[in-house]
C-alpha atoms as a PDB file:
ATOM      1  CA  UNK A   1       2.764  -5.027 -20.491  1.00  0.00           C
ATOM      2  CA  UNK A   2       6.035  -3.617 -21.788  1.00  0.00           C
ATOM      3  CA  UNK A   3       9.285  -5.300 -22.778  1.00  0.00           C
ATOM      4  CA  UNK A   4      12.769  -4.037 -21.984  1.00  0.00           C
ATOM      5  CA  UNK A   5      16.088  -5.156 -23.435  1.00  0.00           C
ATOM      6  CA  UNK A   6      18.971  -6.031 -21.103  1.00  0.00           C
ATOM      7  CA  UNK A   7      22.357  -7.552 -21.767  1.00  0.00           C
ATOM      8  CA  UNK A   8      23.200 -11.093 -20.665  1.00  0.00           C
ATOM      9  CA  UNK A   9      25.034  -9.973 -17.547  1.00  0.00           C
ATOM     10  CA  UNK A  10      22.070  -7.895 -16.349  1.00  0.00           C
ATOM     11  CA  UNK A  11      19.676 -10.747 -17.131  1.00  0.00           C
ATOM     12  CA  UNK A  12      21.667 -13.157 -14.958  1.00  0.00           C
ATOM     13  CA  UNK A  13      21.720 -10.660 -12.084  1.00  0.00           C
ATOM     14  CA  UNK A  14      17.971 -10.062 -12.314  1.00  0.00           C
ATOM     15  CA  UNK A  15      17.325 -13.817 -12.325  1.00  0.00           C
ATOM     16  CA  UNK A  16      19.564 -14.193  -9.263  1.00  0.00           C
ATOM     17  CA  UNK A  17      17.715 -11.363  -7.485  1.00  0.00           C
ATOM     18  CA  UNK A  18      14.373 -12.938  -8.322  1.00  0.00           C
ATOM     19  CA  UNK A  19      15.454 -16.122  -6.560  1.00  0.00           C
ATOM     20  CA  UNK A  20      16.997 -14.336  -3.575  1.00  0.00           C
ATOM     21  CA  UNK A  21      13.970 -12.079  -3.120  1.00  0.00           C
ATOM     22  CA  UNK A  22      11.629 -15.027  -3.645  1.00  0.00           C
ATOM     23  CA  UNK A  23       9.783 -12.800  -6.102  1.00  0.00           C
ATOM     24  CA  UNK A  24       6.951 -14.247  -8.139  1.00  0.00           C
ATOM     25  CA  UNK A  25       7.797 -12.202 -11.237  1.00  0.00           C
ATOM     26  CA  UNK A  26      10.443  -9.974 -12.757  1.00  0.00           C
ATOM     27  CA  UNK A  27       8.014  -7.087 -12.371  1.00  0.00           C
ATOM     28  CA  UNK A  28       8.076  -7.696  -8.609  1.00  0.00           C
ATOM     29  CA  UNK A  29      11.895  -7.655  -8.674  1.00  0.00           C
ATOM     30  CA  UNK A  30      11.897  -4.319 -10.465  1.00  0.00           C
ATOM     31  CA  UNK A  31       9.285  -2.885  -8.093  1.00  0.00           C
ATOM     32  CA  UNK A  32      11.441  -3.875  -5.102  1.00  0.00           C
ATOM     33  CA  UNK A  33      14.517  -2.349  -6.713  1.00  0.00           C
ATOM     34  CA  UNK A  34      12.650   0.898  -7.393  1.00  0.00           C
ATOM     35  CA  UNK A  35      11.293   0.997  -3.829  1.00  0.00           C
ATOM     36  CA  UNK A  36      14.782   0.410  -2.440  1.00  0.00           C
ATOM     37  CA  UNK A  37      16.188   3.180  -4.620  1.00  0.00           C
ATOM     38  CA  UNK A  38      13.524   5.587  -3.352  1.00  0.00           C
ATOM     39  CA  UNK A  39      14.298   4.664   0.256  1.00  0.00           C
ATOM     40  CA  UNK A  40      18.019   5.200  -0.297  1.00  0.00           C
ATOM     41  CA  UNK A  41      17.362   8.591  -1.871  1.00  0.00           C
ATOM     42  CA  UNK A  42      15.038   9.539   0.988  1.00  0.00           C
ATOM     43  CA  UNK A  43      17.664   8.454   3.513  1.00  0.00           C
ATOM     44  CA  UNK A  44      20.227  10.719   1.819  1.00  0.00           C
ATOM     45  CA  UNK A  45      17.833  13.662   2.066  1.00  0.00           C
ATOM     46  CA  UNK A  46      16.915  12.920   5.680  1.00  0.00           C
ATOM     47  CA  UNK A  47      20.595  12.901   6.629  1.00  0.00           C
ATOM     48  CA  UNK A  48      20.760  16.515   5.460  1.00  0.00           C
ATOM     49  CA  UNK A  49      17.838  17.650   7.628  1.00  0.00           C
ATOM     50  CA  UNK A  50      18.955  19.415  10.780  1.00  0.00           C
ATOM     51  CA  UNK A  51      16.546  20.724  13.403  1.00  0.00           C
ATOM     52  CA  UNK A  52      16.416  21.362  17.116  1.00  0.00           C
ATOM     53  CA  UNK A  53      14.394  19.224  19.535  1.00  0.00           C
ATOM     54  CA  UNK A  54      11.361  21.549  19.573  1.00  0.00           C
ATOM     55  CA  UNK A  55      11.146  21.517  15.783  1.00  0.00           C
ATOM     56  CA  UNK A  56      11.486  17.740  15.765  1.00  0.00           C
ATOM     57  CA  UNK A  57       8.674  17.330  18.301  1.00  0.00           C
ATOM     58  CA  UNK A  58       6.426  19.604  16.236  1.00  0.00           C
ATOM     59  CA  UNK A  59       7.166  17.604  13.104  1.00  0.00           C
ATOM     60  CA  UNK A  60       6.440  14.304  14.859  1.00  0.00           C
ATOM     61  CA  UNK A  61       3.155  15.722  16.123  1.00  0.00           C
ATOM     62  CA  UNK A  62       2.142  16.793  12.613  1.00  0.00           C
ATOM     63  CA  UNK A  63       3.011  13.386  11.168  1.00  0.00           C
ATOM     64  CA  UNK A  64       1.008  11.589  13.869  1.00  0.00           C
ATOM     65  CA  UNK A  65      -2.012  13.803  13.186  1.00  0.00           C
ATOM     66  CA  UNK A  66      -1.765  13.095   9.454  1.00  0.00           C
ATOM     67  CA  UNK A  67      -1.665   9.347  10.097  1.00  0.00           C
ATOM     68  CA  UNK A  68      -4.792   9.573  12.249  1.00  0.00           C
ATOM     69  CA  UNK A  69      -6.786  11.408   9.581  1.00  0.00           C
END
């Protein structure tokens, strides 16, 4: 277990998020924030991906095969 220092304003916001997210711990709040950040970053990268329909179908097929294995 590690400890981090935050200012009063950040502490209040984290407490508010904990209540809104119905999180059981502050660790859970931070995990959700990190996950959300990763999803936002992924979304930014996906927006930049451009491919034609055939390429998209091939990619979908590959992803489905990976999920099955």
